C-alpha cells in the first residue's frame, strides 16, 4: 500500500512540475537517455548479417522498428487502459524478440500516469511523465515474477532497502494511435506496445 501511495504522490508532483521529471534521475541516467536509441541501433545493426537466422531476423525487427516515423505525442493521459507489450533486446551474443504480454497504463489522480507490466518473468512498474519539452519519460523499477513490485530507488522511503541496479528509465514514443515504443536507457532494450481490443 505504501508503494502505491508513493507512486501516486510522485505522479501528482510530476504533473505539477513537468519539467522536473529529468531531475529525478541521476545525472548519468539522464545522459544515458540521450544516447540510448543510437546504442540499440548500433548493437542491432551488428547482428543483421548474423549466420544465426533468428538473431538476424530479430535484429531486423529492432532496426525496422526504430526506423518507423514518429508522430507528436500529445496528451499522455489517454494512454490509460489495457495494452500488450513485448520486449526486444540486443547484446554482444545476439538479438532477441519476446512474445507479447498484457500490461496497463493506469491513471493516478488528475494528471498522473503509471505503467504496470506485471506479467511474464521480467516485469516493470513506474511513472510516465512529460519533461516539459515534448518528451514522455518513464521512471520505475524492474522485478521478477516471484517478487513484489518495486519502484525507482530514488522514490523509496528511507526505511525500504533499495537496489539501484533495478532502476529502469526510458523515453516513450508514439508510432501511431495505438502503437508505441519505449527505449530504455539502462540497457539495449525496447518495449513495443499495441493497444488491446
N, C-alpha and C. Protein backbone atom coordinates (compact mmCIF):
# COMPACT_ATOMS: atom_id res chain seq x y z
N UNK A 1 0.82 -1.20 0.00
CA UNK A 1 0.00 0.00 0.00
C UNK A 1 0.86 1.27 0.00
N UNK A 2 1.97 1.26 0.78
CA UNK A 2 2.86 2.42 0.82
C UNK A 2 3.39 2.73 -0.57
N UNK A 3 3.74 1.67 -1.32
CA UNK A 3 4.30 1.86 -2.65
C UNK A 3 3.31 2.57 -3.56
N UNK A 4 2.04 2.15 -3.55
CA UNK A 4 1.02 2.77 -4.40
C UNK A 4 0.82 4.22 -4.02
N UNK A 5 0.77 4.52 -2.71
CA UNK A 5 0.61 5.90 -2.27
C UNK A 5 1.78 6.75 -2.70
N UNK A 6 2.99 6.19 -2.61
CA UNK A 6 4.18 6.93 -3.00
C UNK A 6 4.16 7.24 -4.49
N UNK A 7 3.81 6.25 -5.30
CA UNK A 7 3.74 6.46 -6.75
C UNK A 7 2.69 7.50 -7.09
N UNK A 8 1.55 7.45 -6.42
CA UNK A 8 0.50 8.44 -6.65
C UNK A 8 0.99 9.84 -6.31
N UNK A 9 1.68 9.98 -5.18
CA UNK A 9 2.20 11.28 -4.77
C UNK A 9 3.22 11.80 -5.77
N UNK A 10 4.10 10.93 -6.24
CA UNK A 10 5.13 11.35 -7.20
C UNK A 10 4.49 11.70 -8.53
N UNK A 11 3.50 10.91 -8.96
CA UNK A 11 2.81 11.21 -10.22
C UNK A 11 2.13 12.58 -10.14
N UNK A 12 1.55 12.91 -8.99
CA UNK A 12 0.93 14.22 -8.81
C UNK A 12 1.97 15.34 -8.84
N UNK A 13 3.11 15.08 -8.20
CA UNK A 13 4.19 16.07 -8.19
C UNK A 13 4.67 16.35 -9.61
N UNK A 14 4.83 15.29 -10.39
CA UNK A 14 5.32 15.45 -11.76
C UNK A 14 4.31 16.22 -12.60
N UNK A 15 3.04 15.97 -12.41
CA UNK A 15 2.04 16.69 -13.19
C UNK A 15 2.09 18.18 -12.89
N UNK A 16 2.47 18.53 -11.67
CA UNK A 16 2.54 19.94 -11.29
C UNK A 16 3.84 20.59 -11.74
N UNK A 17 4.89 19.81 -11.87
CA UNK A 17 6.21 20.33 -12.23
C UNK A 17 6.81 19.47 -13.33
N UNK A 18 6.18 19.48 -14.50
CA UNK A 18 6.55 18.56 -15.56
C UNK A 18 8.02 18.63 -15.94
N UNK A 19 8.56 19.83 -16.00
CA UNK A 19 9.94 19.99 -16.46
C UNK A 19 10.94 19.37 -15.51
N UNK A 20 10.51 19.02 -14.30
CA UNK A 20 11.43 18.49 -13.30
C UNK A 20 11.59 16.97 -13.35
N UNK A 21 10.91 16.30 -14.25
CA UNK A 21 10.98 14.84 -14.24
C UNK A 21 12.40 14.34 -14.46
N UNK A 22 13.16 14.98 -15.34
CA UNK A 22 14.53 14.53 -15.57
C UNK A 22 15.41 14.74 -14.35
N UNK A 23 15.05 15.73 -13.51
CA UNK A 23 15.86 15.97 -12.31
C UNK A 23 15.70 14.86 -11.28
N UNK A 24 14.70 13.99 -11.47
CA UNK A 24 14.51 12.86 -10.56
C UNK A 24 15.54 11.76 -10.83
N UNK A 25 16.11 11.77 -12.03
CA UNK A 25 17.12 10.78 -12.40
C UNK A 25 18.50 11.23 -11.94
N UNK A 26 19.38 10.26 -11.75
CA UNK A 26 20.79 10.58 -11.51
C UNK A 26 21.35 11.18 -12.80
N UNK A 27 22.34 12.09 -12.72
CA UNK A 27 22.87 12.73 -13.93
C UNK A 27 23.30 11.75 -15.02
N UNK A 28 23.95 10.65 -14.63
CA UNK A 28 24.40 9.67 -15.63
C UNK A 28 23.21 9.01 -16.32
N UNK A 29 22.10 8.82 -15.60
CA UNK A 29 20.91 8.22 -16.19
C UNK A 29 20.26 9.17 -17.19
N UNK A 30 20.17 10.45 -16.82
CA UNK A 30 19.61 11.44 -17.73
C UNK A 30 20.43 11.51 -19.01
N UNK A 31 21.74 11.43 -18.89
CA UNK A 31 22.62 11.44 -20.06
C UNK A 31 22.41 10.18 -20.89
N UNK A 32 22.24 9.04 -20.23
CA UNK A 32 22.05 7.78 -20.94
C UNK A 32 20.80 7.81 -21.82
N UNK A 33 19.79 8.56 -21.43
CA UNK A 33 18.58 8.65 -22.24
C UNK A 33 18.88 9.26 -23.61
N UNK A 34 19.84 10.18 -23.66
CA UNK A 34 20.13 10.88 -24.91
C UNK A 34 20.88 10.00 -25.92
N UNK A 35 21.51 8.93 -25.45
CA UNK A 35 22.28 8.06 -26.34
C UNK A 35 21.69 6.67 -26.47
N UNK A 36 20.60 6.40 -25.77
CA UNK A 36 20.03 5.05 -25.72
C UNK A 36 19.62 4.54 -27.09
N UNK A 37 18.92 5.35 -27.86
CA UNK A 37 18.43 4.87 -29.15
C UNK A 37 19.58 4.52 -30.09
N UNK A 38 20.59 5.37 -30.15
CA UNK A 38 21.73 5.10 -31.01
C UNK A 38 22.46 3.83 -30.58
N UNK A 39 22.53 3.62 -29.27
CA UNK A 39 23.18 2.41 -28.76
C UNK A 39 22.45 1.15 -29.18
N UNK A 40 21.11 1.14 -29.09
CA UNK A 40 20.32 -0.02 -29.51
C UNK A 40 20.49 -0.26 -31.00
N UNK A 41 20.40 0.82 -31.77
CA UNK A 41 20.51 0.70 -33.23
C UNK A 41 21.87 0.16 -33.64
N UNK A 42 22.93 0.69 -33.06
CA UNK A 42 24.29 0.24 -33.38
C UNK A 42 24.47 -1.24 -33.04
N UNK A 43 24.01 -1.63 -31.86
CA UNK A 43 24.14 -3.03 -31.43
C UNK A 43 23.35 -3.97 -32.33
N UNK A 44 22.12 -3.56 -32.70
CA UNK A 44 21.29 -4.42 -33.56
C UNK A 44 21.88 -4.53 -34.96
N UNK A 45 22.40 -3.43 -35.48
CA UNK A 45 22.96 -3.43 -36.84
C UNK A 45 24.09 -4.44 -36.97
N UNK A 46 24.86 -4.63 -35.92
CA UNK A 46 25.97 -5.59 -35.94
C UNK A 46 25.49 -7.03 -36.17
N UNK A 47 24.22 -7.29 -35.86
CA UNK A 47 23.69 -8.66 -35.98
C UNK A 47 22.86 -8.88 -37.24
N UNK A 48 22.71 -7.85 -38.07
CA UNK A 48 21.87 -8.01 -39.27
C UNK A 48 22.38 -9.08 -40.23
N UNK A 49 23.69 -9.28 -40.24
CA UNK A 49 24.29 -10.28 -41.14
C UNK A 49 24.69 -11.55 -40.38
N UNK A 50 24.12 -11.76 -39.21
CA UNK A 50 24.44 -12.94 -38.42
C UNK A 50 24.11 -14.22 -39.19
N UNK A 51 24.93 -15.24 -39.00
CA UNK A 51 24.64 -16.54 -39.61
C UNK A 51 23.49 -17.26 -38.89
N UNK A 52 23.19 -16.79 -37.69
CA UNK A 52 22.04 -17.33 -36.97
C UNK A 52 20.80 -16.60 -37.48
N UNK A 53 19.93 -17.32 -38.18
CA UNK A 53 18.78 -16.68 -38.85
C UNK A 53 17.85 -15.97 -37.87
N UNK A 54 17.65 -16.57 -36.69
CA UNK A 54 16.75 -15.95 -35.71
C UNK A 54 17.34 -14.63 -35.20
N UNK A 55 18.64 -14.63 -34.92
CA UNK A 55 19.29 -13.40 -34.47
C UNK A 55 19.20 -12.32 -35.53
N UNK A 56 19.48 -12.68 -36.79
CA UNK A 56 19.41 -11.70 -37.88
C UNK A 56 18.00 -11.15 -38.04
N UNK A 57 16.99 -12.03 -37.95
CA UNK A 57 15.59 -11.59 -38.09
C UNK A 57 15.19 -10.67 -36.94
N UNK A 58 15.61 -11.01 -35.73
CA UNK A 58 15.29 -10.16 -34.57
C UNK A 58 15.98 -8.81 -34.67
N UNK A 59 17.22 -8.80 -35.13
CA UNK A 59 17.95 -7.54 -35.31
C UNK A 59 17.24 -6.66 -36.33
N UNK A 60 16.73 -7.28 -37.40
CA UNK A 60 15.99 -6.51 -38.41
C UNK A 60 14.70 -5.94 -37.83
N UNK A 61 14.01 -6.72 -37.00
CA UNK A 61 12.80 -6.19 -36.35
C UNK A 61 13.12 -4.94 -35.54
N UNK A 62 14.25 -4.98 -34.83
CA UNK A 62 14.63 -3.84 -33.99
C UNK A 62 14.96 -2.63 -34.85
N UNK A 63 15.80 -2.81 -35.88
CA UNK A 63 16.18 -1.66 -36.72
C UNK A 63 14.98 -1.13 -37.49
N UNK A 64 14.09 -2.01 -37.94
CA UNK A 64 12.88 -1.56 -38.64
C UNK A 64 11.97 -0.76 -37.72
N UNK A 65 11.85 -1.22 -36.49
CA UNK A 65 11.01 -0.52 -35.52
C UNK A 65 11.55 0.88 -35.22
N UNK A 66 12.86 0.97 -35.07
CA UNK A 66 13.48 2.28 -34.80
C UNK A 66 13.37 3.21 -36.00
N UNK A 67 13.25 2.67 -37.19
CA UNK A 67 13.18 3.49 -38.40
C UNK A 67 11.78 4.01 -38.71
N UNK A 68 10.77 3.49 -38.02
CA UNK A 68 9.40 3.94 -38.29
C UNK A 68 9.23 5.42 -37.93
N UNK A 69 8.44 6.14 -38.73
CA UNK A 69 8.21 7.56 -38.40
C UNK A 69 7.44 7.70 -37.09
N UNK A 70 7.72 8.76 -36.39
CA UNK A 70 7.06 9.04 -35.10
C UNK A 70 6.13 10.23 -35.26
N UNK A 71 5.08 10.20 -34.47
CA UNK A 71 4.13 11.31 -34.53
C UNK A 71 4.13 12.04 -33.19
N UNK A 72 3.64 13.27 -33.21
CA UNK A 72 3.60 14.07 -31.99
C UNK A 72 2.81 13.32 -30.93
N UNK A 73 3.34 13.34 -29.71
CA UNK A 73 2.73 12.52 -28.67
C UNK A 73 1.39 13.07 -28.22
N UNK A 74 1.31 14.35 -27.96
CA UNK A 74 0.07 14.91 -27.42
C UNK A 74 -0.10 14.52 -25.96
N UNK A 75 -1.32 14.54 -25.48
CA UNK A 75 -1.62 14.24 -24.08
C UNK A 75 -1.35 12.76 -23.79
N UNK A 76 -0.61 12.48 -22.72
CA UNK A 76 -0.28 11.10 -22.37
C UNK A 76 -1.41 10.41 -21.62
N UNK A 77 -2.33 11.16 -21.01
CA UNK A 77 -3.36 10.55 -20.16
C UNK A 77 -4.31 9.61 -20.92
N UNK A 78 -4.63 9.87 -22.20
CA UNK A 78 -5.49 8.90 -22.91
C UNK A 78 -4.85 7.53 -23.11
N UNK A 79 -3.58 7.38 -22.77
CA UNK A 79 -2.97 6.04 -22.82
C UNK A 79 -3.59 5.09 -21.81
N UNK A 80 -4.23 5.63 -20.78
CA UNK A 80 -4.78 4.79 -19.71
C UNK A 80 -5.65 3.68 -20.29
N UNK A 81 -5.38 2.46 -19.84
CA UNK A 81 -6.13 1.31 -20.30
C UNK A 81 -5.23 0.11 -20.50
N UNK A 82 -5.81 -0.94 -21.02
CA UNK A 82 -5.08 -2.20 -21.21
C UNK A 82 -4.39 -2.22 -22.58
N UNK A 83 -3.13 -2.65 -22.56
CA UNK A 83 -2.31 -2.76 -23.76
C UNK A 83 -1.64 -4.14 -23.74
N UNK A 84 -0.91 -4.43 -24.80
CA UNK A 84 0.01 -5.57 -24.79
C UNK A 84 1.39 -5.03 -25.13
N UNK A 85 2.42 -5.71 -24.60
CA UNK A 85 3.79 -5.23 -24.77
C UNK A 85 4.72 -6.41 -24.99
N UNK A 86 5.74 -6.18 -25.80
CA UNK A 86 6.80 -7.18 -25.95
C UNK A 86 8.15 -6.50 -25.80
N UNK A 87 9.12 -7.28 -25.40
CA UNK A 87 10.48 -6.79 -25.21
C UNK A 87 11.35 -7.24 -26.37
N UNK A 88 12.14 -6.31 -26.90
CA UNK A 88 13.16 -6.61 -27.90
C UNK A 88 14.49 -6.20 -27.32
N UNK A 89 15.44 -7.13 -27.29
CA UNK A 89 16.72 -6.88 -26.63
C UNK A 89 17.88 -7.27 -27.53
N UNK A 90 19.01 -6.60 -27.34
CA UNK A 90 20.20 -6.92 -28.12
C UNK A 90 21.43 -6.81 -27.23
N UNK A 91 22.36 -7.74 -27.41
CA UNK A 91 23.64 -7.67 -26.70
C UNK A 91 24.72 -8.27 -27.61
N UNK A 92 25.91 -8.47 -27.09
CA UNK A 92 27.00 -8.99 -27.92
C UNK A 92 26.73 -10.38 -28.46
N UNK A 93 25.90 -11.15 -27.77
CA UNK A 93 25.65 -12.53 -28.17
C UNK A 93 24.54 -12.68 -29.21
N UNK A 94 23.63 -11.71 -29.27
CA UNK A 94 22.53 -11.85 -30.22
C UNK A 94 21.45 -10.80 -30.02
N UNK A 95 20.37 -10.96 -30.80
CA UNK A 95 19.20 -10.09 -30.71
C UNK A 95 18.00 -10.98 -30.41
N UNK A 96 17.10 -10.50 -29.57
CA UNK A 96 16.02 -11.33 -29.05
C UNK A 96 14.70 -10.57 -29.12
N UNK A 97 13.67 -11.26 -29.56
CA UNK A 97 12.32 -10.69 -29.60
C UNK A 97 11.40 -11.63 -28.83
N UNK A 98 10.80 -11.13 -27.77
CA UNK A 98 9.95 -11.94 -26.91
C UNK A 98 8.48 -11.76 -27.27
N UNK A 99 7.61 -12.67 -26.85
CA UNK A 99 6.19 -12.54 -27.18
C UNK A 99 5.53 -11.40 -26.41
N UNK A 100 4.33 -11.05 -26.86
CA UNK A 100 3.56 -10.00 -26.19
C UNK A 100 2.97 -10.52 -24.88
N UNK A 101 2.92 -9.63 -23.90
CA UNK A 101 2.27 -9.89 -22.62
C UNK A 101 1.33 -8.73 -22.31
N UNK A 102 0.28 -8.98 -21.52
CA UNK A 102 -0.60 -7.89 -21.13
C UNK A 102 0.12 -6.88 -20.23
N UNK A 103 -0.27 -5.62 -20.35
CA UNK A 103 0.21 -4.58 -19.45
C UNK A 103 -0.88 -3.52 -19.36
N UNK A 104 -0.66 -2.51 -18.54
CA UNK A 104 -1.68 -1.48 -18.37
C UNK A 104 -1.05 -0.14 -18.01
N UNK A 105 -1.59 0.90 -18.61
CA UNK A 105 -1.31 2.27 -18.18
C UNK A 105 -2.45 2.66 -17.24
N UNK A 106 -2.10 3.07 -16.04
CA UNK A 106 -3.10 3.34 -15.00
C UNK A 106 -3.07 4.82 -14.65
N UNK A 107 -4.22 5.46 -14.70
CA UNK A 107 -4.31 6.88 -14.34
C UNK A 107 -4.22 7.02 -12.82
N UNK A 108 -3.43 7.98 -12.37
CA UNK A 108 -3.26 8.25 -10.93
C UNK A 108 -3.67 9.69 -10.66
N UNK A 109 -4.81 9.88 -10.01
CA UNK A 109 -5.27 11.23 -9.73
C UNK A 109 -5.65 11.96 -11.00
N UNK A 110 -5.55 13.28 -10.97
CA UNK A 110 -5.98 14.10 -12.11
C UNK A 110 -4.99 14.08 -13.27
N UNK A 111 -3.69 14.01 -12.97
CA UNK A 111 -2.68 14.15 -14.02
C UNK A 111 -1.61 13.06 -14.03
N UNK A 112 -1.64 12.14 -13.07
CA UNK A 112 -0.59 11.12 -13.01
C UNK A 112 -0.89 9.92 -13.88
N UNK A 113 0.17 9.23 -14.32
CA UNK A 113 0.03 8.03 -15.13
C UNK A 113 1.13 7.05 -14.74
N UNK A 114 0.76 5.78 -14.60
CA UNK A 114 1.69 4.73 -14.19
C UNK A 114 1.64 3.60 -15.21
N UNK A 115 2.81 3.00 -15.49
CA UNK A 115 2.87 1.79 -16.31
C UNK A 115 3.05 0.59 -15.39
N UNK A 116 2.21 -0.42 -15.57
CA UNK A 116 2.35 -1.68 -14.86
C UNK A 116 2.48 -2.80 -15.88
N UNK A 117 3.67 -3.40 -15.95
CA UNK A 117 3.88 -4.60 -16.76
C UNK A 117 4.14 -5.71 -15.74
N UNK A 118 3.07 -6.35 -15.28
CA UNK A 118 3.18 -7.32 -14.19
C UNK A 118 2.86 -8.74 -14.66
N UNK A 119 3.23 -9.02 -15.91
CA UNK A 119 3.11 -10.36 -16.48
C UNK A 119 4.45 -10.75 -17.10
N UNK A 120 4.65 -12.04 -17.33
CA UNK A 120 5.93 -12.51 -17.84
C UNK A 120 6.93 -12.64 -16.71
N UNK A 121 8.10 -13.16 -17.00
CA UNK A 121 9.10 -13.36 -15.94
C UNK A 121 9.81 -12.07 -15.57
N UNK A 122 10.01 -11.15 -16.54
CA UNK A 122 10.67 -9.87 -16.29
C UNK A 122 9.61 -8.77 -16.30
N UNK A 123 9.53 -8.03 -15.21
CA UNK A 123 8.43 -7.07 -15.03
C UNK A 123 8.95 -5.68 -14.70
N UNK A 124 8.10 -4.69 -14.93
CA UNK A 124 8.45 -3.29 -14.62
C UNK A 124 7.22 -2.55 -14.14
N UNK A 125 7.46 -1.55 -13.32
CA UNK A 125 6.39 -0.65 -12.87
C UNK A 125 7.01 0.72 -12.65
N UNK A 126 6.29 1.76 -13.03
CA UNK A 126 6.81 3.11 -12.82
C UNK A 126 5.90 4.18 -13.36
N UNK A 127 6.37 5.41 -13.26
CA UNK A 127 5.57 6.57 -13.66
C UNK A 127 5.90 6.99 -15.09
N UNK A 128 4.91 7.62 -15.73
CA UNK A 128 5.06 8.18 -17.07
C UNK A 128 4.83 9.68 -16.93
N UNK A 129 5.82 10.49 -17.30
CA UNK A 129 5.70 11.93 -17.15
C UNK A 129 6.23 12.69 -18.34
N UNK A 130 5.79 13.92 -18.47
CA UNK A 130 6.21 14.83 -19.54
C UNK A 130 7.34 15.69 -19.00
N UNK A 131 8.44 15.80 -19.75
CA UNK A 131 9.58 16.58 -19.26
C UNK A 131 9.45 18.09 -19.55
N UNK A 132 8.31 18.50 -20.11
CA UNK A 132 8.11 19.92 -20.40
C UNK A 132 8.69 20.35 -21.74
N UNK A 133 9.36 19.42 -22.44
CA UNK A 133 9.96 19.72 -23.75
C UNK A 133 9.37 18.83 -24.83
N UNK A 134 8.26 18.21 -24.53
CA UNK A 134 7.62 17.34 -25.52
C UNK A 134 8.04 15.89 -25.45
N UNK A 135 8.91 15.54 -24.51
CA UNK A 135 9.35 14.15 -24.36
C UNK A 135 8.57 13.48 -23.24
N UNK A 136 8.21 12.23 -23.45
CA UNK A 136 7.50 11.45 -22.44
C UNK A 136 8.49 10.46 -21.85
N UNK A 137 8.67 10.53 -20.54
CA UNK A 137 9.71 9.77 -19.84
C UNK A 137 9.08 8.75 -18.90
N UNK A 138 9.71 7.57 -18.84
CA UNK A 138 9.32 6.53 -17.89
C UNK A 138 10.43 6.39 -16.85
N UNK A 139 10.04 6.31 -15.57
CA UNK A 139 10.99 6.06 -14.48
C UNK A 139 10.36 5.03 -13.54
N UNK A 140 11.07 3.93 -13.30
CA UNK A 140 10.49 2.90 -12.45
C UNK A 140 11.50 1.89 -11.95
N UNK A 141 10.99 0.69 -11.67
CA UNK A 141 11.83 -0.38 -11.15
C UNK A 141 11.55 -1.69 -11.88
N UNK A 142 12.56 -2.56 -11.92
CA UNK A 142 12.44 -3.89 -12.54
C UNK A 142 12.33 -4.94 -11.44
N UNK A 143 11.53 -5.95 -11.69
CA UNK A 143 11.42 -7.05 -10.73
C UNK A 143 11.04 -8.31 -11.49
N UNK A 144 11.06 -9.43 -10.80
CA UNK A 144 10.77 -10.72 -11.43
C UNK A 144 9.45 -11.28 -10.94
N UNK A 145 8.97 -12.32 -11.60
CA UNK A 145 7.64 -12.85 -11.33
C UNK A 145 7.47 -13.39 -9.92
N UNK A 146 8.57 -13.76 -9.27
CA UNK A 146 8.46 -14.28 -7.90
C UNK A 146 8.72 -13.20 -6.84
N UNK A 147 8.69 -11.93 -7.26
CA UNK A 147 8.96 -10.82 -6.34
C UNK A 147 7.79 -9.84 -6.33
N UNK A 148 7.72 -9.06 -5.26
CA UNK A 148 6.75 -7.98 -5.20
C UNK A 148 7.23 -6.83 -6.08
N UNK A 149 6.31 -6.04 -6.65
CA UNK A 149 6.71 -4.90 -7.47
C UNK A 149 7.58 -3.92 -6.68
N UNK A 150 8.54 -3.32 -7.39
CA UNK A 150 9.37 -2.29 -6.78
C UNK A 150 9.39 -1.08 -7.69
N UNK A 151 9.76 0.06 -7.13
CA UNK A 151 9.85 1.28 -7.91
C UNK A 151 11.29 1.75 -8.03
N UNK A 152 11.44 2.91 -8.60
CA UNK A 152 12.75 3.54 -8.75
C UNK A 152 13.33 3.77 -7.35
N UNK A 153 14.62 3.46 -7.18
CA UNK A 153 15.22 3.52 -5.84
C UNK A 153 15.12 4.91 -5.22
N UNK A 154 15.20 5.95 -6.05
CA UNK A 154 15.12 7.31 -5.53
C UNK A 154 13.75 7.70 -5.01
N UNK A 155 12.71 6.88 -5.31
CA UNK A 155 11.36 7.17 -4.86
C UNK A 155 11.01 6.45 -3.56
N UNK A 156 11.87 5.54 -3.12
CA UNK A 156 11.53 4.70 -1.99
C UNK A 156 11.72 5.41 -0.66
N UNK A 157 10.90 5.05 0.29
CA UNK A 157 11.03 5.54 1.66
C UNK A 157 12.39 5.10 2.21
N UNK A 158 13.00 5.91 3.04
CA UNK A 158 14.33 5.60 3.58
C UNK A 158 14.37 4.29 4.35
N UNK A 159 13.22 3.85 4.86
CA UNK A 159 13.18 2.61 5.64
C UNK A 159 13.18 1.37 4.74
N UNK A 160 13.00 1.58 3.42
CA UNK A 160 12.94 0.46 2.48
C UNK A 160 14.32 0.22 1.88
N UNK A 161 14.79 -1.03 1.94
CA UNK A 161 16.07 -1.37 1.33
C UNK A 161 15.90 -1.34 -0.19
N UNK A 162 16.73 -0.57 -0.86
CA UNK A 162 16.59 -0.42 -2.30
C UNK A 162 17.81 -0.98 -3.03
N UNK A 163 17.61 -1.30 -4.29
CA UNK A 163 18.68 -1.83 -5.13
C UNK A 163 18.71 -0.99 -6.41
N UNK A 164 19.63 -0.02 -6.50
CA UNK A 164 19.69 0.85 -7.69
C UNK A 164 19.92 0.09 -8.99
N UNK A 165 20.43 -1.15 -8.93
CA UNK A 165 20.62 -1.91 -10.17
C UNK A 165 19.28 -2.33 -10.77
N UNK A 166 18.20 -2.19 -10.01
CA UNK A 166 16.86 -2.50 -10.52
C UNK A 166 16.17 -1.26 -11.10
N UNK A 167 16.82 -0.11 -11.04
CA UNK A 167 16.23 1.11 -11.60
C UNK A 167 16.10 0.98 -13.11
N UNK A 168 15.01 1.51 -13.66
CA UNK A 168 14.77 1.47 -15.10
C UNK A 168 14.16 2.79 -15.54
N UNK A 169 14.54 3.25 -16.72
CA UNK A 169 14.11 4.56 -17.20
C UNK A 169 14.23 4.57 -18.72
N UNK A 170 13.39 5.35 -19.37
CA UNK A 170 13.42 5.39 -20.82
C UNK A 170 12.55 6.49 -21.38
N UNK A 171 12.55 6.59 -22.70
CA UNK A 171 11.75 7.59 -23.41
C UNK A 171 10.69 6.87 -24.24
N UNK A 172 9.45 7.35 -24.13
CA UNK A 172 8.31 6.74 -24.81
C UNK A 172 8.00 7.55 -26.08
N UNK A 173 7.79 6.83 -27.19
CA UNK A 173 7.49 7.47 -28.47
C UNK A 173 6.21 6.89 -29.04
N UNK A 174 5.46 7.73 -29.76
CA UNK A 174 4.23 7.29 -30.42
C UNK A 174 4.52 7.03 -31.89
N UNK A 175 4.20 5.82 -32.34
CA UNK A 175 4.35 5.46 -33.76
C UNK A 175 3.02 5.55 -34.49
N UNK A 176 1.95 5.47 -33.74
CA UNK A 176 0.60 5.53 -34.29
C UNK A 176 -0.37 5.68 -33.14
N UNK A 177 -1.65 5.78 -33.43
CA UNK A 177 -2.65 5.98 -32.38
C UNK A 177 -2.55 4.90 -31.30
N UNK A 178 -2.38 3.67 -31.72
CA UNK A 178 -2.33 2.53 -30.79
C UNK A 178 -1.02 1.76 -30.90
N UNK A 179 0.07 2.48 -31.13
CA UNK A 179 1.36 1.83 -31.32
C UNK A 179 2.45 2.72 -30.71
N UNK A 180 3.19 2.20 -29.73
CA UNK A 180 4.21 2.95 -29.01
C UNK A 180 5.49 2.14 -28.90
N UNK A 181 6.60 2.84 -28.70
CA UNK A 181 7.84 2.17 -28.29
C UNK A 181 8.43 2.92 -27.10
N UNK A 182 9.05 2.18 -26.23
CA UNK A 182 9.75 2.72 -25.07
C UNK A 182 11.19 2.26 -25.17
N UNK A 183 12.12 3.21 -25.33
CA UNK A 183 13.54 2.89 -25.47
C UNK A 183 14.20 3.12 -24.12
N UNK A 184 14.70 2.05 -23.52
CA UNK A 184 15.28 2.12 -22.19
C UNK A 184 16.70 2.67 -22.23
N UNK A 185 17.06 3.38 -21.17
CA UNK A 185 18.38 3.99 -21.10
C UNK A 185 19.42 3.13 -20.42
N UNK A 186 19.00 2.11 -19.67
CA UNK A 186 19.98 1.36 -18.88
C UNK A 186 20.47 0.10 -19.58
N UNK A 187 19.87 -0.26 -20.69
CA UNK A 187 20.34 -1.44 -21.43
C UNK A 187 19.84 -1.33 -22.86
N UNK A 188 20.28 -2.20 -23.72
CA UNK A 188 19.85 -2.19 -25.12
C UNK A 188 18.52 -2.95 -25.24
N UNK A 189 17.45 -2.28 -24.82
CA UNK A 189 16.14 -2.91 -24.81
C UNK A 189 15.07 -1.92 -25.23
N UNK A 190 14.08 -2.44 -25.93
CA UNK A 190 12.91 -1.66 -26.35
C UNK A 190 11.67 -2.42 -25.92
N UNK A 191 10.65 -1.69 -25.49
CA UNK A 191 9.31 -2.24 -25.36
C UNK A 191 8.50 -1.75 -26.56
N UNK A 192 7.77 -2.65 -27.19
CA UNK A 192 6.81 -2.28 -28.23
C UNK A 192 5.41 -2.53 -27.68
N UNK A 193 4.59 -1.47 -27.69
CA UNK A 193 3.21 -1.55 -27.17
C UNK A 193 2.21 -1.50 -28.31
N UNK A 194 1.15 -2.31 -28.18
CA UNK A 194 0.00 -2.22 -29.06
C UNK A 194 -1.25 -2.26 -28.19
N UNK A 195 -2.26 -1.53 -28.63
CA UNK A 195 -3.48 -1.43 -27.84
C UNK A 195 -4.26 -2.73 -27.93
N UNK A 196 -4.79 -3.18 -26.78
CA UNK A 196 -5.66 -4.36 -26.76
C UNK A 196 -7.04 -3.99 -27.27
N UNK A 197 -7.67 -4.90 -28.01
CA UNK A 197 -9.03 -4.67 -28.47
C UNK A 197 -9.04 -3.62 -29.51
